[in-house]
């Protein structure tokens, strides 16, 4: 139903190529997340799939049909944007129903779909309100409801949670993930937030400068990053990576160790350093360690109960089995 295939797709603006030719297959029912830093091409790629950006070359197939030259409205896809784009003078009911009214669908069917979408998104009690009477999270749910009623082959989300505060983002993240499990519909989700990617995706596509650096499950990218870029991008706080004599001991040009895979002691260990900033988050504490001779700052993640202060001497010992090794080109060594 919702299988999407990109075949040698590329995009250029004038003479600047922002997405070199790439191939990508998104299977039916899969929740795929495009993630990467700002300017990596993830939103452009999503808009190309939606038909909102023309391709410079290549072909896009949706459900085995070549849609490259087909208008966005006829591709069977529904897009949810960062901005809610709701009609302020319309009620929630009319906002959700709007795409169906444009299709001149029977009113009985419209009402049925709107009620079902509202129920699934906990909006049934708000159908007669207008957007100005809703919270940011509720307005985003209305925008999602407007996409749901179209019964699309796939949903495309372009950083839909960026305008929400931290607590609402967590809640909406769970709601979208649960919606996917209920509907089992193909979803492509764009974000620069790797935590969103890790917690929501079946498959993550990591992009840099329009190039796919790695594709895999969240845990596959976490445990086996293909290169230093992915190693540093996936995981929060990011992996500590350093070179020099310490890396050479592991027969690698670079070695990496995640903050949570470093043992901390106040009396002995492999590397001695000095406590800089300690971020106490309750269950966890992130300690930024200086003067180890390895890199400017090493970040470690430990149990939140530890008591340390700026300037304390601290000893770090890496968990050897968790060391990641990379060659001089930054590629993973198994």
C-alpha atoms as a PDB file:
ATOM      1  CA  UNK A   1       0.000   0.000   0.000  1.00  0.00           C
ATOM      2  CA  UNK A   2       2.364   2.744   1.198  1.00  0.00           C
ATOM      3  CA  UNK A   3       5.748   1.577  -0.112  1.00  0.00           C
ATOM      4  CA  UNK A   4       7.848   4.536  -1.279  1.00  0.00           C
ATOM      5  CA  UNK A   5      10.916   4.132  -3.495  1.00  0.00           C
ATOM      6  CA  UNK A   6      13.388   6.854  -4.477  1.00  0.00           C
ATOM      7  CA  UNK A   7      15.474   5.893  -7.501  1.00  0.00           C
ATOM      8  CA  UNK A   8      18.564   8.034  -8.185  1.00  0.00           C
ATOM      9  CA  UNK A   9      16.764  11.131  -6.925  1.00  0.00           C
ATOM     10  CA  UNK A  10      18.722  14.399  -6.870  1.00  0.00           C
ATOM     11  CA  UNK A  11      18.065  18.099  -6.383  1.00  0.00           C
ATOM     12  CA  UNK A  12      19.956  21.198  -7.499  1.00  0.00           C
ATOM     13  CA  UNK A  13      19.222  24.896  -7.075  1.00  0.00           C
ATOM     14  CA  UNK A  14      20.762  26.631 -10.071  1.00  0.00           C
ATOM     15  CA  UNK A  15      24.260  25.109 -10.212  1.00  0.00           C
ATOM     16  CA  UNK A  16      24.365  24.070  -6.556  1.00  0.00           C
ATOM     17  CA  UNK A  17      23.584  20.406  -5.945  1.00  0.00           C
ATOM     18  CA  UNK A  18      21.964  20.086  -2.506  1.00  0.00           C
ATOM     19  CA  UNK A  19      21.044  16.405  -2.810  1.00  0.00           C
ATOM     20  CA  UNK A  20      23.381  14.202  -4.866  1.00  0.00           C
ATOM     21  CA  UNK A  21      21.740  11.148  -6.503  1.00  0.00           C
ATOM     22  CA  UNK A  22      20.438   8.777  -3.845  1.00  0.00           C
ATOM     23  CA  UNK A  23      18.396   5.571  -3.606  1.00  0.00           C
ATOM     24  CA  UNK A  24      16.045   4.880  -0.715  1.00  0.00           C
ATOM     25  CA  UNK A  25      13.216   2.424  -0.048  1.00  0.00           C
ATOM     26  CA  UNK A  26      10.628   2.953   2.680  1.00  0.00           C
ATOM     27  CA  UNK A  27       8.572  -0.160   3.234  1.00  0.00           C
ATOM     28  CA  UNK A  28       4.810  -0.231   3.697  1.00  0.00           C
ATOM     29  CA  UNK A  29       3.843   0.499   7.302  1.00  0.00           C
ATOM     30  CA  UNK A  30       7.340   1.600   8.295  1.00  0.00           C
ATOM     31  CA  UNK A  31       8.021   4.600  10.532  1.00  0.00           C
ATOM     32  CA  UNK A  32      11.084   6.194   8.941  1.00  0.00           C
ATOM     33  CA  UNK A  33      12.809   9.248  10.377  1.00  0.00           C
ATOM     34  CA  UNK A  34      15.057  11.578   8.384  1.00  0.00           C
ATOM     35  CA  UNK A  35      17.521  13.130  10.821  1.00  0.00           C
ATOM     36  CA  UNK A  36      20.541  15.362  10.474  1.00  0.00           C
ATOM     37  CA  UNK A  37      21.840  18.855  11.217  1.00  0.00           C
ATOM     38  CA  UNK A  38      20.252  21.996   9.808  1.00  0.00           C
ATOM     39  CA  UNK A  39      20.839  22.299   6.070  1.00  0.00           C
ATOM     40  CA  UNK A  40      21.428  18.581   5.496  1.00  0.00           C
ATOM     41  CA  UNK A  41      18.558  18.301   2.983  1.00  0.00           C
ATOM     42  CA  UNK A  42      16.070  16.310   5.050  1.00  0.00           C
ATOM     43  CA  UNK A  43      13.117  18.701   4.569  1.00  0.00           C
ATOM     44  CA  UNK A  44      13.958  19.169   0.882  1.00  0.00           C
ATOM     45  CA  UNK A  45      13.913  15.386   0.452  1.00  0.00           C
ATOM     46  CA  UNK A  46      10.542  15.153   2.197  1.00  0.00           C
ATOM     47  CA  UNK A  47       9.095  17.927   0.023  1.00  0.00           C
ATOM     48  CA  UNK A  48      10.318  16.115  -3.082  1.00  0.00           C
ATOM     49  CA  UNK A  49       8.425  13.004  -1.980  1.00  0.00           C
ATOM     50  CA  UNK A  50       5.340  15.126  -1.333  1.00  0.00           C
ATOM     51  CA  UNK A  51       5.626  16.797  -4.744  1.00  0.00           C
ATOM     52  CA  UNK A  52       6.193  20.264  -3.307  1.00  0.00           C
ATOM     53  CA  UNK A  53       9.728  20.366  -4.779  1.00  0.00           C
ATOM     54  CA  UNK A  54      10.557  19.311  -8.312  1.00  0.00           C
ATOM     55  CA  UNK A  55      13.249  16.684  -8.835  1.00  0.00           C
ATOM     56  CA  UNK A  56      16.342  17.605 -10.812  1.00  0.00           C
ATOM     57  CA  UNK A  57      16.727  13.932 -11.736  1.00  0.00           C
ATOM     58  CA  UNK A  58      15.458  10.522 -10.705  1.00  0.00           C
ATOM     59  CA  UNK A  59      12.127   8.854 -10.087  1.00  0.00           C
ATOM     60  CA  UNK A  60       9.774   8.486  -7.104  1.00  0.00           C
ATOM     61  CA  UNK A  61       7.402   5.551  -6.817  1.00  0.00           C
ATOM     62  CA  UNK A  62       4.485   5.380  -4.366  1.00  0.00           C
ATOM     63  CA  UNK A  63       2.750   2.019  -4.151  1.00  0.00           C
ATOM     64  CA  UNK A  64       4.604   0.958  -7.340  1.00  0.00           C
ATOM     65  CA  UNK A  65       3.284   3.954  -9.288  1.00  0.00           C
ATOM     66  CA  UNK A  66       5.641   6.538 -10.784  1.00  0.00           C
ATOM     67  CA  UNK A  67       4.469   9.798  -9.188  1.00  0.00           C
ATOM     68  CA  UNK A  68       7.403  11.960 -10.274  1.00  0.00           C
ATOM     69  CA  UNK A  69       5.237  14.127 -12.541  1.00  0.00           C
ATOM     70  CA  UNK A  70       2.003  13.773 -10.554  1.00  0.00           C
ATOM     71  CA  UNK A  71       0.676  16.748  -8.564  1.00  0.00           C
ATOM     72  CA  UNK A  72       0.912  16.627  -4.747  1.00  0.00           C
ATOM     73  CA  UNK A  73      -2.848  16.279  -4.284  1.00  0.00           C
ATOM     74  CA  UNK A  74      -2.947  13.086  -6.366  1.00  0.00           C
ATOM     75  CA  UNK A  75      -0.041  11.225  -4.764  1.00  0.00           C
ATOM     76  CA  UNK A  76      -2.119   9.811  -1.922  1.00  0.00           C
ATOM     77  CA  UNK A  77       0.135  11.404   0.704  1.00  0.00           C
ATOM     78  CA  UNK A  78      -0.790  13.663   3.616  1.00  0.00           C
ATOM     79  CA  UNK A  79       1.683  16.194   4.994  1.00  0.00           C
ATOM     80  CA  UNK A  80       1.816  17.753   8.462  1.00  0.00           C
ATOM     81  CA  UNK A  81       3.955  20.884   8.687  1.00  0.00           C
ATOM     82  CA  UNK A  82       5.831  22.610  11.492  1.00  0.00           C
ATOM     83  CA  UNK A  83       3.238  25.401  11.417  1.00  0.00           C
ATOM     84  CA  UNK A  84      -0.297  24.230  12.137  1.00  0.00           C
ATOM     85  CA  UNK A  85      -1.789  26.188   9.186  1.00  0.00           C
ATOM     86  CA  UNK A  86      -5.295  26.042  10.660  1.00  0.00           C
ATOM     87  CA  UNK A  87      -8.130  28.330   9.612  1.00  0.00           C
ATOM     88  CA  UNK A  88      -8.697  30.560  12.672  1.00  0.00           C
ATOM     89  CA  UNK A  89     -12.318  31.367  11.800  1.00  0.00           C
ATOM     90  CA  UNK A  90     -13.301  27.686  11.501  1.00  0.00           C
ATOM     91  CA  UNK A  91     -14.083  25.263  14.302  1.00  0.00           C
ATOM     92  CA  UNK A  92     -11.953  22.216  14.914  1.00  0.00           C
ATOM     93  CA  UNK A  93     -14.615  20.122  13.195  1.00  0.00           C
ATOM     94  CA  UNK A  94     -14.524  22.262  10.057  1.00  0.00           C
ATOM     95  CA  UNK A  95     -10.719  22.413  10.026  1.00  0.00           C
ATOM     96  CA  UNK A  96     -10.448  18.629  10.128  1.00  0.00           C
ATOM     97  CA  UNK A  97     -13.202  18.217   7.537  1.00  0.00           C
ATOM     98  CA  UNK A  98     -11.795  20.815   5.137  1.00  0.00           C
ATOM     99  CA  UNK A  99      -9.843  18.484   2.772  1.00  0.00           C
ATOM    100  CA  UNK A 100     -12.884  16.205   2.490  1.00  0.00           C
ATOM    101  CA  UNK A 101     -15.184  19.104   1.710  1.00  0.00           C
ATOM    102  CA  UNK A 102     -12.797  20.162  -1.046  1.00  0.00           C
ATOM    103  CA  UNK A 103     -13.240  16.674  -2.524  1.00  0.00           C
ATOM    104  CA  UNK A 104     -17.011  17.153  -2.285  1.00  0.00           C
ATOM    105  CA  UNK A 105     -17.335  13.998  -0.205  1.00  0.00           C
ATOM    106  CA  UNK A 106     -20.734  12.983   1.124  1.00  0.00           C
ATOM    107  CA  UNK A 107     -21.490  14.792   4.393  1.00  0.00           C
ATOM    108  CA  UNK A 108     -22.373  11.575   6.217  1.00  0.00           C
ATOM    109  CA  UNK A 109     -18.950  10.127   5.345  1.00  0.00           C
ATOM    110  CA  UNK A 110     -17.250  13.401   6.323  1.00  0.00           C
ATOM    111  CA  UNK A 111     -18.903  13.361   9.741  1.00  0.00           C
ATOM    112  CA  UNK A 112     -17.963   9.719  10.241  1.00  0.00           C
ATOM    113  CA  UNK A 113     -14.288  10.333   9.429  1.00  0.00           C
ATOM    114  CA  UNK A 114     -14.061  13.510  11.495  1.00  0.00           C
ATOM    115  CA  UNK A 115     -15.592  11.856  14.546  1.00  0.00           C
ATOM    116  CA  UNK A 116     -13.239   8.866  14.226  1.00  0.00           C
ATOM    117  CA  UNK A 117     -10.159  11.079  13.845  1.00  0.00           C
ATOM    118  CA  UNK A 118     -11.196  13.296  16.754  1.00  0.00           C
ATOM    119  CA  UNK A 119     -11.714  10.267  18.982  1.00  0.00           C
ATOM    120  CA  UNK A 120      -8.299   8.793  18.130  1.00  0.00           C
ATOM    121  CA  UNK A 121      -6.615  12.130  18.915  1.00  0.00           C
ATOM    122  CA  UNK A 122      -8.629  12.949  22.074  1.00  0.00           C
ATOM    123  CA  UNK A 123     -10.259  15.933  20.372  1.00  0.00           C
ATOM    124  CA  UNK A 124     -13.908  14.902  20.641  1.00  0.00           C
ATOM    125  CA  UNK A 125     -14.604  17.482  23.362  1.00  0.00           C
ATOM    126  CA  UNK A 126     -13.050  20.299  21.315  1.00  0.00           C
ATOM    127  CA  UNK A 127     -14.768  19.916  17.947  1.00  0.00           C
ATOM    128  CA  UNK A 128     -16.811  23.094  18.309  1.00  0.00           C
ATOM    129  CA  UNK A 129     -13.921  25.245  19.511  1.00  0.00           C
ATOM    130  CA  UNK A 130     -11.791  27.428  17.292  1.00  0.00           C
ATOM    131  CA  UNK A 131      -7.970  27.152  17.092  1.00  0.00           C
ATOM    132  CA  UNK A 132      -7.458  30.251  19.226  1.00  0.00           C
ATOM    133  CA  UNK A 133      -9.131  28.435  22.122  1.00  0.00           C
ATOM    134  CA  UNK A 134      -6.693  25.503  21.993  1.00  0.00           C
ATOM    135  CA  UNK A 135      -3.205  24.822  23.333  1.00  0.00           C
ATOM    136  CA  UNK A 136      -0.274  24.340  20.986  1.00  0.00           C
ATOM    137  CA  UNK A 137      -0.424  20.578  21.403  1.00  0.00           C
ATOM    138  CA  UNK A 138      -4.145  20.507  20.672  1.00  0.00           C
ATOM    139  CA  UNK A 139      -3.673  22.615  17.549  1.00  0.00           C
ATOM    140  CA  UNK A 140      -1.009  20.207  16.323  1.00  0.00           C
ATOM    141  CA  UNK A 141      -3.407  17.317  16.899  1.00  0.00           C
ATOM    142  CA  UNK A 142      -6.007  19.114  14.787  1.00  0.00           C
ATOM    143  CA  UNK A 143      -3.448  19.404  11.981  1.00  0.00           C
ATOM    144  CA  UNK A 144      -2.734  15.676  12.297  1.00  0.00           C
ATOM    145  CA  UNK A 145      -6.479  14.954  12.313  1.00  0.00           C
ATOM    146  CA  UNK A 146      -6.857  16.843   9.059  1.00  0.00           C
ATOM    147  CA  UNK A 147      -4.267  14.479   7.580  1.00  0.00           C
ATOM    148  CA  UNK A 148      -5.821  11.328   9.074  1.00  0.00           C
ATOM    149  CA  UNK A 149      -9.281  11.880   7.544  1.00  0.00           C
ATOM    150  CA  UNK A 150      -7.776  11.767   4.064  1.00  0.00           C
ATOM    151  CA  UNK A 151      -6.889   8.095   4.664  1.00  0.00           C
ATOM    152  CA  UNK A 152      -3.531   8.539   2.888  1.00  0.00           C
ATOM    153  CA  UNK A 153      -1.059   5.925   1.697  1.00  0.00           C
ATOM    154  CA  UNK A 154       1.567   7.621   3.865  1.00  0.00           C
ATOM    155  CA  UNK A 155       1.957  10.496   6.304  1.00  0.00           C
ATOM    156  CA  UNK A 156       4.780  13.010   5.908  1.00  0.00           C
ATOM    157  CA  UNK A 157       5.757  15.009   9.007  1.00  0.00           C
ATOM    158  CA  UNK A 158       8.063  18.024   8.629  1.00  0.00           C
ATOM    159  CA  UNK A 159       9.400  18.850  12.131  1.00  0.00           C
ATOM    160  CA  UNK A 160       5.841  18.974  13.526  1.00  0.00           C
ATOM    161  CA  UNK A 161       6.875  19.405  17.170  1.00  0.00           C
ATOM    162  CA  UNK A 162       9.398  22.231  16.814  1.00  0.00           C
ATOM    163  CA  UNK A 163       6.950  24.896  17.987  1.00  0.00           C
ATOM    164  CA  UNK A 164       5.989  23.053  21.173  1.00  0.00           C
ATOM    165  CA  UNK A 165       7.604  23.304  24.584  1.00  0.00           C
ATOM    166  CA  UNK A 166       9.603  20.376  25.966  1.00  0.00           C
ATOM    167  CA  UNK A 167       6.768  18.734  27.929  1.00  0.00           C
ATOM    168  CA  UNK A 168       4.330  18.948  25.015  1.00  0.00           C
ATOM    169  CA  UNK A 169       6.946  17.549  22.628  1.00  0.00           C
ATOM    170  CA  UNK A 170       7.338  14.445  24.784  1.00  0.00           C
ATOM    171  CA  UNK A 171       3.568  13.955  24.931  1.00  0.00           C
ATOM    172  CA  UNK A 172       3.035  14.477  21.199  1.00  0.00           C
ATOM    173  CA  UNK A 173       5.964  12.182  20.404  1.00  0.00           C
ATOM    174  CA  UNK A 174       4.214   9.371  22.261  1.00  0.00           C
ATOM    175  CA  UNK A 175       0.876  10.169  20.629  1.00  0.00           C
ATOM    176  CA  UNK A 176       2.314  10.039  17.115  1.00  0.00           C
ATOM    177  CA  UNK A 177       4.153   6.783  17.868  1.00  0.00           C
ATOM    178  CA  UNK A 178       0.977   5.231  19.282  1.00  0.00           C
ATOM    179  CA  UNK A 179      -1.031   6.502  16.301  1.00  0.00           C
ATOM    180  CA  UNK A 180       1.408   4.730  13.994  1.00  0.00           C
ATOM    181  CA  UNK A 181       0.991   1.452  15.848  1.00  0.00           C
ATOM    182  CA  UNK A 182      -2.821   1.750  15.670  1.00  0.00           C
ATOM    183  CA  UNK A 183      -2.954   2.694  11.997  1.00  0.00           C
ATOM    184  CA  UNK A 184       0.068   0.739  10.726  1.00  0.00           C
ATOM    185  CA  UNK A 185       0.446   3.319   7.938  1.00  0.00           C
ATOM    186  CA  UNK A 186       3.738   4.391   6.374  1.00  0.00           C
ATOM    187  CA  UNK A 187       5.127   7.494   8.071  1.00  0.00           C
ATOM    188  CA  UNK A 188       8.130   9.649   7.190  1.00  0.00           C
ATOM    189  CA  UNK A 189       9.164  12.062   9.901  1.00  0.00           C
ATOM    190  CA  UNK A 190      11.754  14.836   9.586  1.00  0.00           C
ATOM    191  CA  UNK A 191      13.579  16.164  12.642  1.00  0.00           C
ATOM    192  CA  UNK A 192      16.949  17.574  13.674  1.00  0.00           C
ATOM    193  CA  UNK A 193      16.395  16.115  17.160  1.00  0.00           C
ATOM    194  CA  UNK A 194      18.124  12.745  17.387  1.00  0.00           C
ATOM    195  CA  UNK A 195      16.209  11.932  20.602  1.00  0.00           C
ATOM    196  CA  UNK A 196      12.948  12.130  18.623  1.00  0.00           C
ATOM    197  CA  UNK A 197      14.507   9.914  15.965  1.00  0.00           C
ATOM    198  CA  UNK A 198      15.716   7.317  18.475  1.00  0.00           C
ATOM    199  CA  UNK A 199      12.423   7.082  20.369  1.00  0.00           C
ATOM    200  CA  UNK A 200      10.011   7.008  17.406  1.00  0.00           C
ATOM    201  CA  UNK A 201      11.611   5.329  14.401  1.00  0.00           C
ATOM    202  CA  UNK A 202      11.557   1.822  13.006  1.00  0.00           C
ATOM    203  CA  UNK A 203      14.279   3.027  10.653  1.00  0.00           C
ATOM    204  CA  UNK A 204      16.495   6.118  10.797  1.00  0.00           C
ATOM    205  CA  UNK A 205      18.044   7.763   7.750  1.00  0.00           C
ATOM    206  CA  UNK A 206      20.998   9.939   8.825  1.00  0.00           C
ATOM    207  CA  UNK A 207      21.733  12.730   6.342  1.00  0.00           C
ATOM    208  CA  UNK A 208      24.658  15.112   5.952  1.00  0.00           C
ATOM    209  CA  UNK A 209      24.977  17.601   3.076  1.00  0.00           C
ATOM    210  CA  UNK A 210      22.294  15.711   1.148  1.00  0.00           C
ATOM    211  CA  UNK A 211      24.141  12.399   1.430  1.00  0.00           C
ATOM    212  CA  UNK A 212      22.799   9.386   3.311  1.00  0.00           C
ATOM    213  CA  UNK A 213      25.464   8.536   5.881  1.00  0.00           C
ATOM    214  CA  UNK A 214      23.712   5.507   7.361  1.00  0.00           C
ATOM    215  CA  UNK A 215      20.354   3.739   7.423  1.00  0.00           C
ATOM    216  CA  UNK A 216      19.327   1.429  10.240  1.00  0.00           C
ATOM    217  CA  UNK A 217      17.288   0.827  13.354  1.00  0.00           C
ATOM    218  CA  UNK A 218      17.869   3.189  16.293  1.00  0.00           C
ATOM    219  CA  UNK A 219      19.836   0.583  18.240  1.00  0.00           C
ATOM    220  CA  UNK A 220      21.863  -0.427  15.193  1.00  0.00           C
ATOM    221  CA  UNK A 221      22.984   3.185  14.704  1.00  0.00           C
ATOM    222  CA  UNK A 222      23.690   3.539  18.418  1.00  0.00           C
ATOM    223  CA  UNK A 223      25.746   0.364  18.759  1.00  0.00           C
ATOM    224  CA  UNK A 224      27.382   0.282  15.309  1.00  0.00           C
ATOM    225  CA  UNK A 225      27.726   3.783  13.851  1.00  0.00           C
ATOM    226  CA  UNK A 226      29.167   3.533  10.355  1.00  0.00           C
ATOM    227  CA  UNK A 227      31.454   6.545  10.774  1.00  0.00           C
ATOM    228  CA  UNK A 228      32.492   9.319  13.129  1.00  0.00           C
ATOM    229  CA  UNK A 229      29.706  11.641  11.958  1.00  0.00           C
ATOM    230  CA  UNK A 230      26.963   9.153  12.873  1.00  0.00           C
ATOM    231  CA  UNK A 231      28.791   8.247  16.097  1.00  0.00           C
ATOM    232  CA  UNK A 232      28.819  11.879  17.158  1.00  0.00           C
ATOM    233  CA  UNK A 233      25.275  12.650  16.018  1.00  0.00           C
ATOM    234  CA  UNK A 234      23.378   9.667  17.425  1.00  0.00           C
ATOM    235  CA  UNK A 235      23.338   9.505  21.217  1.00  0.00           C
ATOM    236  CA  UNK A 236      22.821  12.171  23.855  1.00  0.00           C
ATOM    237  CA  UNK A 237      25.185  13.410  25.150  1.00  0.00           C
ATOM    238  CA  UNK A 238      27.246  12.679  22.061  1.00  0.00           C
ATOM    239  CA  UNK A 239      30.082  10.157  21.922  1.00  0.00           C
ATOM    240  CA  UNK A 240      33.554  11.250  23.068  1.00  0.00           C
ATOM    241  CA  UNK A 241      35.970  10.793  20.168  1.00  0.00           C
ATOM    242  CA  UNK A 242      39.733  11.258  20.311  1.00  0.00           C
ATOM    243  CA  UNK A 243      42.920  10.304  18.499  1.00  0.00           C
ATOM    244  CA  UNK A 244      46.626  10.183  19.341  1.00  0.00           C
ATOM    245  CA  UNK A 245      48.530   7.670  21.497  1.00  0.00           C
ATOM    246  CA  UNK A 246      45.409   6.437  23.321  1.00  0.00           C
ATOM    247  CA  UNK A 247      43.698   5.597  20.017  1.00  0.00           C
ATOM    248  CA  UNK A 248      46.852   3.923  18.728  1.00  0.00           C
ATOM    249  CA  UNK A 249      46.761   1.507  21.660  1.00  0.00           C
ATOM    250  CA  UNK A 250      43.519   0.170  20.201  1.00  0.00           C
ATOM    251  CA  UNK A 251      45.011  -0.079  16.678  1.00  0.00           C
ATOM    252  CA  UNK A 252      42.779   2.727  15.465  1.00  0.00           C
ATOM    253  CA  UNK A 253      43.219   6.284  14.269  1.00  0.00           C
ATOM    254  CA  UNK A 254      40.190   7.428  16.302  1.00  0.00           C
ATOM    255  CA  UNK A 255      38.468   5.803  19.240  1.00  0.00           C
ATOM    256  CA  UNK A 256      35.094   6.680  20.704  1.00  0.00           C
ATOM    257  CA  UNK A 257      33.419   5.995  24.016  1.00  0.00           C
ATOM    258  CA  UNK A 258      29.904   6.993  24.944  1.00  0.00           C
ATOM    259  CA  UNK A 259      29.379   9.025  28.143  1.00  0.00           C
ATOM    260  CA  UNK A 260      27.403   6.196  29.742  1.00  0.00           C
ATOM    261  CA  UNK A 261      30.171   3.646  29.044  1.00  0.00           C
ATOM    262  CA  UNK A 262      32.798   5.325  31.213  1.00  0.00           C
ATOM    263  CA  UNK A 263      33.297   4.319  34.850  1.00  0.00           C
ATOM    264  CA  UNK A 264      33.958   7.175  37.273  1.00  0.00           C
ATOM    265  CA  UNK A 265      36.019   7.104  40.475  1.00  0.00           C
ATOM    266  CA  UNK A 266      37.301   9.803  42.808  1.00  0.00           C
ATOM    267  CA  UNK A 267      40.435   7.788  43.644  1.00  0.00           C
ATOM    268  CA  UNK A 268      41.751   5.741  40.703  1.00  0.00           C
ATOM    269  CA  UNK A 269      41.265   5.013  37.015  1.00  0.00           C
ATOM    270  CA  UNK A 270      42.812   5.025  33.530  1.00  0.00           C
ATOM    271  CA  UNK A 271      42.545   8.783  32.940  1.00  0.00           C
ATOM    272  CA  UNK A 272      42.799  11.551  35.509  1.00  0.00           C
ATOM    273  CA  UNK A 273      40.964  14.814  34.942  1.00  0.00           C
ATOM    274  CA  UNK A 274      39.298  17.787  36.592  1.00  0.00           C
ATOM    275  CA  UNK A 275      35.573  18.314  37.046  1.00  0.00           C
ATOM    276  CA  UNK A 276      34.246  21.270  35.096  1.00  0.00           C
ATOM    277  CA  UNK A 277      30.469  21.637  34.897  1.00  0.00           C
ATOM    278  CA  UNK A 278      28.313  18.936  36.506  1.00  0.00           C
ATOM    279  CA  UNK A 279      24.727  18.848  35.252  1.00  0.00           C
ATOM    280  CA  UNK A 280      22.499  17.226  37.879  1.00  0.00           C
ATOM    281  CA  UNK A 281      19.308  16.011  36.198  1.00  0.00           C
ATOM    282  CA  UNK A 282      17.932  13.863  38.992  1.00  0.00           C
ATOM    283  CA  UNK A 283      18.298  10.282  37.787  1.00  0.00           C
ATOM    284  CA  UNK A 284      21.461  11.155  35.828  1.00  0.00           C
ATOM    285  CA  UNK A 285      24.413  13.484  36.211  1.00  0.00           C
ATOM    286  CA  UNK A 286      26.487  14.640  33.237  1.00  0.00           C
ATOM    287  CA  UNK A 287      30.035  15.584  34.222  1.00  0.00           C
ATOM    288  CA  UNK A 288      32.205  17.545  31.798  1.00  0.00           C
ATOM    289  CA  UNK A 289      35.802  16.588  32.557  1.00  0.00           C
ATOM    290  CA  UNK A 290      38.818  18.748  31.623  1.00  0.00           C
ATOM    291  CA  UNK A 291      42.584  18.225  31.560  1.00  0.00           C
ATOM    292  CA  UNK A 292      42.619  14.508  30.722  1.00  0.00           C
ATOM    293  CA  UNK A 293      45.105  15.022  27.904  1.00  0.00           C
ATOM    294  CA  UNK A 294      42.729  13.231  25.496  1.00  0.00           C
ATOM    295  CA  UNK A 295      40.528  16.057  24.189  1.00  0.00           C
ATOM    296  CA  UNK A 296      39.357  19.437  25.462  1.00  0.00           C
ATOM    297  CA  UNK A 297      36.383  18.022  27.360  1.00  0.00           C
ATOM    298  CA  UNK A 298      35.155  14.481  28.007  1.00  0.00           C
ATOM    299  CA  UNK A 299      31.532  14.052  29.018  1.00  0.00           C
ATOM    300  CA  UNK A 300      30.488  11.178  31.275  1.00  0.00           C
ATOM    301  CA  UNK A 301      27.016  10.090  32.305  1.00  0.00           C
ATOM    302  CA  UNK A 302      26.580   8.522  35.718  1.00  0.00           C
ATOM    303  CA  UNK A 303      24.064   7.929  38.490  1.00  0.00           C
ATOM    304  CA  UNK A 304      22.434  11.148  39.623  1.00  0.00           C
ATOM    305  CA  UNK A 305      23.344  10.733  43.309  1.00  0.00           C
ATOM    306  CA  UNK A 306      27.060  11.480  42.935  1.00  0.00           C
ATOM    307  CA  UNK A 307      28.352  14.572  44.724  1.00  0.00           C
ATOM    308  CA  UNK A 308      31.038  16.438  42.777  1.00  0.00           C
ATOM    309  CA  UNK A 309      31.954  20.079  42.389  1.00  0.00           C
ATOM    310  CA  UNK A 310      33.951  22.212  40.007  1.00  0.00           C
ATOM    311  CA  UNK A 311      37.704  21.583  40.303  1.00  0.00           C
ATOM    312  CA  UNK A 312      37.484  18.136  41.923  1.00  0.00           C
ATOM    313  CA  UNK A 313      40.016  15.533  40.745  1.00  0.00           C
ATOM    314  CA  UNK A 314      38.238  12.674  38.978  1.00  0.00           C
ATOM    315  CA  UNK A 315      39.347   9.396  37.391  1.00  0.00           C
ATOM    316  CA  UNK A 316      37.774   7.823  34.307  1.00  0.00           C
ATOM    317  CA  UNK A 317      38.001   4.247  33.042  1.00  0.00           C
ATOM    318  CA  UNK A 318      36.449   3.264  29.686  1.00  0.00           C
ATOM    319  CA  UNK A 319      34.503   0.016  29.414  1.00  0.00           C
ATOM    320  CA  UNK A 320      36.847  -1.671  26.932  1.00  0.00           C
ATOM    321  CA  UNK A 321      34.116  -3.788  25.315  1.00  0.00           C
ATOM    322  CA  UNK A 322      32.204  -0.583  24.491  1.00  0.00           C
ATOM    323  CA  UNK A 323      35.080   1.169  22.686  1.00  0.00           C
ATOM    324  CA  UNK A 324      34.329   2.186  19.074  1.00  0.00           C
ATOM    325  CA  UNK A 325      37.257   2.217  16.639  1.00  0.00           C
ATOM    326  CA  UNK A 326      37.578   4.243  13.427  1.00  0.00           C
ATOM    327  CA  UNK A 327      40.226   4.506  10.730  1.00  0.00           C
ATOM    328  CA  UNK A 328      41.938   7.672   9.442  1.00  0.00           C
ATOM    329  CA  UNK A 329      38.953   8.353   7.122  1.00  0.00           C
ATOM    330  CA  UNK A 330      36.609   8.168  10.082  1.00  0.00           C
ATOM    331  CA  UNK A 331      35.081   4.833   9.004  1.00  0.00           C
ATOM    332  CA  UNK A 332      34.169   2.154  11.526  1.00  0.00           C
ATOM    333  CA  UNK A 333      36.625  -0.673  12.216  1.00  0.00           C
ATOM    334  CA  UNK A 334      35.025  -3.934  13.352  1.00  0.00           C
END
